[in-house]
N, C-alpha and C. Protein backbone atom coordinates (compact mmCIF):
# COMPACT_ATOMS: atom_id res chain seq x y z
N MET A 1 0.98 -1.31 0.00
CA MET A 1 -0.03 0.05 -0.04
C MET A 1 0.87 1.30 -0.05
N ASP A 2 0.64 2.19 -1.01
CA ASP A 2 1.33 3.44 -0.96
C ASP A 2 0.74 4.39 0.18
N CYS A 3 1.72 4.60 1.14
CA CYS A 3 1.07 5.49 2.29
C CYS A 3 1.69 7.00 2.15
N SER A 4 2.37 7.39 1.04
CA SER A 4 3.03 8.56 0.81
C SER A 4 2.18 9.75 0.92
N HIS A 5 0.86 9.60 0.78
CA HIS A 5 -0.10 10.70 0.93
C HIS A 5 -0.78 10.85 2.23
N ILE A 6 -0.43 9.88 3.11
CA ILE A 6 -1.27 9.77 4.29
C ILE A 6 -0.62 11.02 5.32
N GLN A 7 -1.41 11.71 6.01
CA GLN A 7 -1.00 12.81 6.77
C GLN A 7 -1.25 12.51 8.26
N PHE A 8 -0.25 12.87 9.06
CA PHE A 8 -0.47 12.76 10.60
C PHE A 8 -0.70 14.22 11.16
N CYS A 9 -1.49 14.32 12.15
CA CYS A 9 -1.83 15.62 12.64
C CYS A 9 -1.76 15.69 14.35
N ASP A 10 -1.27 16.64 14.78
CA ASP A 10 -1.33 16.65 16.25
C ASP A 10 -2.16 17.75 16.84
N ARG A 11 -3.13 18.20 15.99
CA ARG A 11 -4.05 19.18 16.55
C ARG A 11 -5.48 18.69 16.98
N GLN A 12 -5.72 18.83 18.17
CA GLN A 12 -7.06 18.27 18.62
C GLN A 12 -8.19 18.86 17.87
N SER A 13 -8.21 19.99 17.41
CA SER A 13 -9.35 20.67 16.74
C SER A 13 -9.54 20.15 15.41
N VAL A 14 -8.76 19.31 14.80
CA VAL A 14 -9.18 18.72 13.47
C VAL A 14 -9.81 17.47 13.57
N VAL A 15 -9.90 16.83 14.66
CA VAL A 15 -10.47 15.60 14.83
C VAL A 15 -11.94 15.72 14.54
N ASP A 16 -12.45 14.94 13.66
CA ASP A 16 -13.89 14.92 13.42
C ASP A 16 -14.46 13.84 14.22
N LEU A 17 -15.33 14.33 15.11
CA LEU A 17 -15.85 13.36 16.27
C LEU A 17 -16.78 12.27 15.54
N THR A 18 -17.44 12.61 14.54
CA THR A 18 -18.26 11.64 13.85
C THR A 18 -17.49 10.55 13.20
N GLN A 19 -16.42 10.92 12.49
CA GLN A 19 -15.60 9.97 11.84
C GLN A 19 -14.79 9.21 12.86
N LEU A 20 -14.51 9.88 14.08
CA LEU A 20 -13.76 8.96 15.14
C LEU A 20 -14.77 7.93 15.63
N GLN A 21 -15.90 8.41 16.02
CA GLN A 21 -16.82 7.28 16.47
C GLN A 21 -17.01 6.26 15.50
N ALA A 22 -17.26 6.41 14.26
CA ALA A 22 -17.28 5.52 13.18
C ALA A 22 -16.03 4.59 13.16
N LEU A 23 -14.86 5.24 13.39
CA LEU A 23 -13.52 4.52 13.30
C LEU A 23 -13.53 3.40 14.61
N PHE A 24 -13.97 3.84 15.63
CA PHE A 24 -14.01 3.01 16.77
C PHE A 24 -14.94 1.90 16.52
N LYS A 25 -16.15 2.15 16.02
CA LYS A 25 -17.14 1.02 15.73
C LYS A 25 -16.62 0.09 14.62
N LEU A 26 -15.85 0.60 13.78
CA LEU A 26 -15.41 -0.44 12.74
C LEU A 26 -14.03 -0.99 13.18
N GLY A 27 -13.29 -0.33 13.85
CA GLY A 27 -11.83 -1.07 14.27
C GLY A 27 -11.48 -1.20 15.64
N ALA A 28 -12.31 -0.97 16.54
CA ALA A 28 -12.00 -1.20 17.95
C ALA A 28 -13.22 -1.71 18.83
N PHE A 29 -13.22 -2.99 19.01
CA PHE A 29 -14.38 -3.44 19.74
C PHE A 29 -14.59 -2.79 21.10
N TRP A 30 -13.37 -2.40 21.79
CA TRP A 30 -13.36 -1.75 23.07
C TRP A 30 -14.08 -0.27 23.15
N GLY A 31 -14.04 0.24 21.86
CA GLY A 31 -14.51 1.63 21.75
C GLY A 31 -15.88 1.76 20.86
N ALA A 32 -16.40 0.71 20.63
CA ALA A 32 -17.53 0.63 19.70
C ALA A 32 -18.83 1.44 20.17
N GLU A 33 -18.89 1.48 21.48
CA GLU A 33 -20.00 2.09 22.06
C GLU A 33 -19.84 3.50 22.52
N ARG A 34 -18.74 4.13 22.19
CA ARG A 34 -18.40 5.46 22.75
C ARG A 34 -19.33 6.55 22.15
N LYS A 35 -19.74 7.50 22.91
CA LYS A 35 -20.58 8.61 22.55
C LYS A 35 -19.81 9.72 22.20
N ILE A 36 -20.32 10.48 21.21
CA ILE A 36 -19.52 11.84 20.70
C ILE A 36 -19.28 12.74 21.82
N GLU A 37 -20.24 12.80 22.66
CA GLU A 37 -19.99 13.77 23.81
C GLU A 37 -18.88 13.43 24.77
N ASP A 38 -18.66 12.06 24.93
CA ASP A 38 -17.61 11.48 25.79
C ASP A 38 -16.37 11.55 25.15
N LEU A 39 -16.35 11.24 23.86
CA LEU A 39 -15.12 11.42 22.93
C LEU A 39 -14.55 12.87 23.02
N SER A 40 -15.43 13.75 22.94
CA SER A 40 -15.13 15.24 22.96
C SER A 40 -14.39 15.55 24.30
N ILE A 41 -14.78 15.04 25.41
CA ILE A 41 -14.30 15.33 26.84
C ILE A 41 -12.96 14.55 26.84
N ALA A 42 -12.74 13.34 26.26
CA ALA A 42 -11.59 12.56 26.39
C ALA A 42 -10.46 13.44 25.57
N ILE A 43 -10.93 13.91 24.42
CA ILE A 43 -9.85 14.48 23.57
C ILE A 43 -9.39 16.02 24.11
N GLU A 44 -10.37 16.60 24.80
CA GLU A 44 -10.10 17.81 25.47
C GLU A 44 -9.13 17.66 26.52
N ASN A 45 -9.10 16.45 27.25
CA ASN A 45 -8.23 16.31 28.27
C ASN A 45 -7.08 15.40 28.05
N SER A 46 -6.64 15.28 26.70
CA SER A 46 -5.50 14.56 26.33
C SER A 46 -4.56 15.42 25.58
N ASP A 47 -3.20 15.18 25.70
CA ASP A 47 -2.25 15.90 24.98
C ASP A 47 -1.00 15.07 25.07
N PRO A 48 -0.69 14.52 23.86
CA PRO A 48 -1.05 14.83 22.62
C PRO A 48 -2.18 13.87 22.12
N VAL A 49 -2.89 14.43 20.98
CA VAL A 49 -3.93 13.85 20.26
C VAL A 49 -3.24 13.72 18.91
N ILE A 50 -3.28 12.42 18.37
CA ILE A 50 -2.66 12.32 17.01
C ILE A 50 -3.70 11.63 16.19
N SER A 51 -3.98 12.28 14.99
CA SER A 51 -4.97 11.66 14.05
C SER A 51 -4.26 11.35 12.78
N VAL A 52 -4.66 10.42 11.98
CA VAL A 52 -4.07 10.02 10.79
C VAL A 52 -5.15 10.11 9.56
N TRP A 53 -4.82 10.71 8.57
CA TRP A 53 -5.71 11.06 7.56
C TRP A 53 -5.23 10.58 6.16
N ASP A 54 -6.29 10.11 5.38
CA ASP A 54 -6.00 9.78 3.91
C ASP A 54 -7.01 10.63 3.33
N ASP A 55 -6.37 11.84 2.80
CA ASP A 55 -7.16 12.97 2.30
C ASP A 55 -8.09 13.45 3.44
N ARG A 56 -9.33 13.40 3.45
CA ARG A 56 -10.22 13.86 4.58
C ARG A 56 -10.79 12.77 5.32
N LYS A 57 -10.24 11.59 5.12
CA LYS A 57 -10.91 10.38 5.76
C LYS A 57 -9.94 9.97 7.04
N LEU A 58 -10.64 9.98 8.25
CA LEU A 58 -9.73 9.69 9.46
C LEU A 58 -9.57 8.08 9.28
N ILE A 59 -8.23 7.68 9.34
CA ILE A 59 -7.98 6.20 9.23
C ILE A 59 -7.03 5.82 10.53
N GLY A 60 -6.73 6.66 11.43
CA GLY A 60 -5.98 6.41 12.63
C GLY A 60 -6.10 7.44 13.72
N PHE A 61 -5.99 6.97 14.94
CA PHE A 61 -6.24 7.86 15.98
C PHE A 61 -5.36 7.23 17.30
N ALA A 62 -4.77 8.07 18.00
CA ALA A 62 -4.32 7.74 19.26
C ALA A 62 -4.28 9.05 20.21
N ARG A 63 -4.22 8.83 21.55
CA ARG A 63 -4.16 9.98 22.30
C ARG A 63 -3.29 9.59 23.62
N ALA A 64 -2.84 10.58 24.47
CA ALA A 64 -2.18 10.20 25.67
C ALA A 64 -2.59 11.42 26.66
N THR A 65 -2.32 10.88 27.86
CA THR A 65 -2.32 11.80 29.07
C THR A 65 -0.83 11.69 29.70
N SER A 66 -0.44 12.78 30.11
CA SER A 66 0.91 12.80 30.83
C SER A 66 1.17 13.98 31.83
N ASP A 67 2.04 13.81 32.70
CA ASP A 67 2.46 14.92 33.59
C ASP A 67 3.68 15.46 32.95
N GLY A 68 4.25 14.95 31.77
CA GLY A 68 5.25 15.60 30.94
C GLY A 68 6.59 15.06 31.49
N ILE A 69 6.72 14.45 32.54
CA ILE A 69 8.10 13.99 33.08
C ILE A 69 8.20 12.63 33.71
N TYR A 70 7.20 12.16 34.48
CA TYR A 70 7.35 11.00 35.17
C TYR A 70 6.51 9.82 34.60
N ARG A 71 5.15 10.18 34.28
CA ARG A 71 4.23 9.23 33.84
C ARG A 71 3.34 9.65 32.73
N ALA A 72 2.96 8.77 31.98
CA ALA A 72 2.06 8.91 30.88
C ALA A 72 1.37 7.61 30.51
N THR A 73 0.23 7.81 29.76
CA THR A 73 -0.46 6.58 29.40
C THR A 73 -1.01 6.98 28.00
N ILE A 74 -0.88 5.90 27.10
CA ILE A 74 -1.45 6.08 25.86
C ILE A 74 -2.77 5.23 25.67
N TRP A 75 -3.60 6.10 25.06
CA TRP A 75 -4.99 5.49 25.07
C TRP A 75 -5.38 5.38 23.57
N ASP A 76 -6.40 4.50 23.36
CA ASP A 76 -7.23 4.56 22.21
C ASP A 76 -6.50 4.49 20.77
N VAL A 77 -5.51 3.71 20.75
CA VAL A 77 -4.82 3.41 19.52
C VAL A 77 -5.64 2.60 18.50
N VAL A 78 -5.94 3.12 17.30
CA VAL A 78 -6.78 2.45 16.37
C VAL A 78 -6.36 2.88 15.04
N VAL A 79 -6.25 1.90 14.05
CA VAL A 79 -6.06 2.10 12.77
C VAL A 79 -7.14 1.37 11.96
N HIS A 80 -7.70 2.17 10.91
CA HIS A 80 -8.83 1.47 10.06
C HIS A 80 -8.28 0.19 9.51
N PRO A 81 -9.14 -0.68 9.57
CA PRO A 81 -8.78 -2.20 9.00
C PRO A 81 -8.19 -2.15 7.78
N GLU A 82 -8.69 -1.38 6.68
CA GLU A 82 -8.15 -1.44 5.37
C GLU A 82 -6.74 -0.96 5.40
N TYR A 83 -6.30 -0.18 6.40
CA TYR A 83 -4.90 0.40 6.36
C TYR A 83 -3.94 -0.34 7.30
N ARG A 84 -4.33 -1.40 7.95
CA ARG A 84 -3.48 -2.20 8.71
C ARG A 84 -2.46 -2.99 7.96
N GLY A 85 -1.35 -3.18 8.60
CA GLY A 85 -0.27 -3.98 7.94
C GLY A 85 0.65 -3.13 7.02
N ALA A 86 0.47 -1.81 7.12
CA ALA A 86 1.35 -1.04 6.30
C ALA A 86 2.33 -0.05 7.08
N GLY A 87 2.24 -0.32 8.40
CA GLY A 87 3.18 0.35 9.28
C GLY A 87 2.67 1.63 9.98
N LEU A 88 1.42 1.78 9.66
CA LEU A 88 0.81 2.98 10.19
C LEU A 88 0.56 2.99 11.68
N GLY A 89 0.16 1.94 12.19
CA GLY A 89 0.07 1.72 13.77
C GLY A 89 1.27 1.93 14.37
N ARG A 90 2.40 1.40 14.07
CA ARG A 90 3.82 1.67 14.58
C ARG A 90 4.18 3.16 14.51
N LYS A 91 3.93 3.76 13.28
CA LYS A 91 4.25 5.18 13.17
C LYS A 91 3.35 5.98 14.09
N LEU A 92 2.09 5.55 14.12
CA LEU A 92 1.14 6.43 15.18
C LEU A 92 1.60 6.37 16.54
N VAL A 93 2.06 5.21 17.08
CA VAL A 93 2.46 5.01 18.38
C VAL A 93 3.84 5.85 18.58
N GLU A 94 4.66 5.71 17.64
CA GLU A 94 5.97 6.38 17.59
C GLU A 94 5.85 8.03 17.64
N THR A 95 4.84 8.37 16.80
CA THR A 95 4.48 9.78 16.77
C THR A 95 4.07 10.40 18.09
N VAL A 96 3.19 9.60 18.74
CA VAL A 96 2.71 9.90 20.16
C VAL A 96 4.00 9.91 21.11
N LEU A 97 4.89 8.84 21.04
CA LEU A 97 6.10 8.92 21.99
C LEU A 97 6.83 9.95 21.71
N SER A 98 7.17 10.37 20.52
CA SER A 98 8.12 11.48 20.19
C SER A 98 7.63 12.92 20.43
N HIS A 99 6.30 12.97 20.77
CA HIS A 99 5.73 14.32 20.94
C HIS A 99 6.35 15.06 22.07
N PRO A 100 6.54 16.33 22.20
CA PRO A 100 7.21 17.04 23.29
C PRO A 100 6.65 16.81 24.63
N ARG A 101 5.28 16.44 24.82
CA ARG A 101 4.53 16.18 26.09
C ARG A 101 5.05 14.71 26.50
N MET A 102 5.66 13.97 25.61
CA MET A 102 5.92 12.50 25.93
C MET A 102 7.34 12.16 25.85
N ASN A 103 8.14 12.91 25.19
CA ASN A 103 9.48 12.28 24.86
C ASN A 103 10.39 12.23 25.93
N ARG A 104 10.05 12.87 27.04
CA ARG A 104 10.94 12.81 28.20
C ARG A 104 10.43 12.15 29.36
N VAL A 105 9.27 11.54 29.26
CA VAL A 105 8.58 10.92 30.26
C VAL A 105 9.32 9.49 30.67
N GLU A 106 9.44 9.32 31.89
CA GLU A 106 10.16 8.29 32.51
C GLU A 106 9.44 6.89 32.18
N ARG A 107 8.17 6.91 32.42
CA ARG A 107 7.37 5.67 32.17
C ARG A 107 6.06 5.80 31.33
N VAL A 108 5.97 5.22 30.24
CA VAL A 108 4.78 5.32 29.56
C VAL A 108 3.93 3.90 29.73
N TYR A 109 2.74 4.18 30.07
CA TYR A 109 1.92 2.82 30.19
C TYR A 109 0.78 2.81 29.09
N LEU A 110 0.40 1.63 28.66
CA LEU A 110 -0.85 1.43 27.90
C LEU A 110 -1.51 0.16 28.26
N THR A 111 -2.74 -0.11 27.86
CA THR A 111 -3.48 -1.26 28.15
C THR A 111 -3.87 -1.58 26.81
N THR A 112 -3.71 -3.02 26.61
CA THR A 112 -4.00 -3.72 25.38
C THR A 112 -4.77 -5.08 25.81
N THR A 113 -5.77 -5.50 24.77
CA THR A 113 -6.40 -6.64 25.03
C THR A 113 -5.77 -7.85 24.50
N HIS A 114 -5.46 -7.64 23.09
CA HIS A 114 -4.96 -8.69 22.15
C HIS A 114 -3.75 -8.38 21.44
N GLN A 115 -3.07 -7.23 21.58
CA GLN A 115 -2.08 -6.64 20.83
C GLN A 115 -0.77 -6.45 21.41
N GLN A 116 -0.50 -7.45 22.36
CA GLN A 116 0.87 -7.28 23.15
C GLN A 116 2.00 -7.52 22.33
N SER A 117 2.05 -8.28 21.40
CA SER A 117 3.25 -8.55 20.44
C SER A 117 3.40 -7.33 19.69
N PHE A 118 2.46 -6.60 19.26
CA PHE A 118 2.61 -5.41 18.48
C PHE A 118 3.32 -4.31 19.21
N TYR A 119 2.89 -4.15 20.48
CA TYR A 119 3.53 -3.18 21.36
C TYR A 119 4.99 -3.64 21.83
N GLU A 120 5.32 -4.84 22.07
CA GLU A 120 6.50 -5.38 22.30
C GLU A 120 7.39 -5.01 21.30
N ARG A 121 7.11 -5.13 19.88
CA ARG A 121 7.94 -4.89 18.77
C ARG A 121 8.28 -3.31 18.79
N ILE A 122 7.49 -2.51 19.38
CA ILE A 122 7.95 -1.10 19.56
C ILE A 122 8.87 -0.94 20.81
N GLY A 123 8.71 -1.84 21.74
CA GLY A 123 9.74 -1.57 22.80
C GLY A 123 8.89 -1.76 24.18
N PHE A 124 7.60 -1.87 24.35
CA PHE A 124 6.93 -1.93 25.45
C PHE A 124 7.07 -3.30 26.06
N GLU A 125 7.04 -3.40 27.32
CA GLU A 125 7.26 -4.68 28.01
C GLU A 125 6.07 -5.05 28.86
N ALA A 126 5.70 -6.30 29.06
CA ALA A 126 4.62 -6.72 29.90
C ALA A 126 5.04 -6.28 31.27
N ASN A 127 3.92 -5.78 31.98
CA ASN A 127 4.25 -5.46 33.41
C ASN A 127 3.00 -5.72 34.23
N SER A 128 3.10 -6.99 34.77
CA SER A 128 1.97 -7.45 35.55
C SER A 128 2.03 -7.08 37.09
N SER A 129 3.05 -6.47 37.44
CA SER A 129 3.41 -6.41 38.85
C SER A 129 2.80 -4.94 39.48
N THR A 130 2.64 -3.98 38.65
CA THR A 130 2.23 -2.75 39.22
C THR A 130 1.01 -2.13 38.63
N THR A 131 0.39 -2.77 37.77
CA THR A 131 -0.96 -2.31 37.18
C THR A 131 -2.05 -2.73 37.99
N MET A 132 -2.95 -1.62 38.34
CA MET A 132 -4.16 -1.90 39.13
C MET A 132 -5.24 -1.30 38.37
N VAL A 133 -6.47 -1.51 38.75
CA VAL A 133 -7.64 -0.73 38.15
C VAL A 133 -8.65 -0.65 39.23
N LEU A 134 -9.34 0.40 39.12
CA LEU A 134 -10.44 0.62 40.05
C LEU A 134 -11.61 0.99 38.94
N TYR A 135 -12.65 0.16 38.96
CA TYR A 135 -13.88 0.38 38.27
C TYR A 135 -14.59 1.43 38.99
N ASN A 136 -14.73 2.62 38.61
CA ASN A 136 -15.28 3.74 39.32
C ASN A 136 -16.69 3.82 39.30
N ARG A 137 -17.22 4.04 40.41
CA ARG A 137 -18.89 4.06 40.38
C ARG A 137 -19.25 5.46 40.34
N PRO A 138 -20.46 5.71 40.02
CA PRO A 138 -20.89 7.23 40.05
C PRO A 138 -20.70 7.84 41.38
N ILE A 139 -20.27 9.13 41.43
CA ILE A 139 -19.87 9.71 42.71
C ILE A 139 -21.06 9.58 43.72
N ALA A 140 -22.41 9.81 43.23
CA ALA A 140 -23.34 9.68 44.11
C ALA A 140 -23.52 8.54 44.93
N ASN A 141 -22.89 7.37 44.47
CA ASN A 141 -23.02 6.12 45.30
C ASN A 141 -21.82 5.90 46.24
N ILE A 142 -20.85 6.80 46.39
CA ILE A 142 -19.64 6.66 47.04
C ILE A 142 -19.80 7.55 48.31
N PRO A 143 -19.78 6.96 49.58
CA PRO A 143 -19.83 7.80 50.79
C PRO A 143 -18.65 8.75 50.80
N VAL A 144 -18.71 10.00 50.95
CA VAL A 144 -17.66 11.01 50.91
C VAL A 144 -17.56 11.54 52.28
N PRO A 145 -16.43 11.34 53.03
CA PRO A 145 -16.35 11.90 54.28
C PRO A 145 -16.26 13.50 54.29
N GLU A 146 -16.78 14.14 55.17
CA GLU A 146 -17.03 15.48 55.21
C GLU A 146 -15.38 16.13 55.50
N VAL A 147 -14.96 16.87 54.71
CA VAL A 147 -13.67 17.55 54.86
C VAL A 147 -13.78 18.99 54.88
N GLN A 148 -13.13 19.58 55.88
CA GLN A 148 -13.05 20.96 55.85
C GLN A 148 -11.65 21.48 55.39
N TYR A 149 -11.70 22.41 54.58
CA TYR A 149 -10.48 23.11 54.15
C TYR A 149 -10.08 24.38 54.73
N GLN A 150 -8.98 24.56 54.93
CA GLN A 150 -8.44 25.78 55.56
C GLN A 150 -7.55 26.54 54.39
N GLU A 151 -7.76 27.77 54.36
CA GLU A 151 -6.94 28.57 53.34
C GLU A 151 -5.45 28.60 54.08
N LEU A 152 -4.40 28.20 53.17
CA LEU A 152 -2.99 28.40 53.70
C LEU A 152 -2.52 29.62 53.29
N ILE A 153 -2.07 30.33 54.43
CA ILE A 153 -1.43 31.69 54.20
C ILE A 153 0.05 31.54 53.99
N GLY A 154 0.50 32.00 52.94
CA GLY A 154 2.03 32.01 52.80
C GLY A 154 2.68 33.17 53.61
N GLY A 155 3.96 32.90 53.91
CA GLY A 155 4.60 34.09 54.77
C GLY A 155 5.91 34.09 54.67
């Protein structure tokens, strides 16, 4: 496949949420039910956000969250099924990793269900010793202790 015309973009504002939702439905079982409103919030709170385009067609996407120095997590890596096998997934992940918000980070995490070998070829290692998950419940169901805050006065 000739990919010389494929464009990578790191601007959140160019992501077409309708196309992104369709890409998830087509190429990511884990993201098939995502709502446009929720995708918008996720993108707004991520940096970098990398999109991949064939003319005006969204064919790839990944995003990350990071403190810029110690920890980062890559999320939502997806490539359109018709474009897989051409190296775009690898280039997409490498583009995220080389972004200024990511390229100095000590540890980069990601979660994958079936693509461990793909990520290992990029340099990721399995890490079963430190990863934990909290399946968050709506805040209304969690008892919150009453906390009083005091304004700190510098001096």
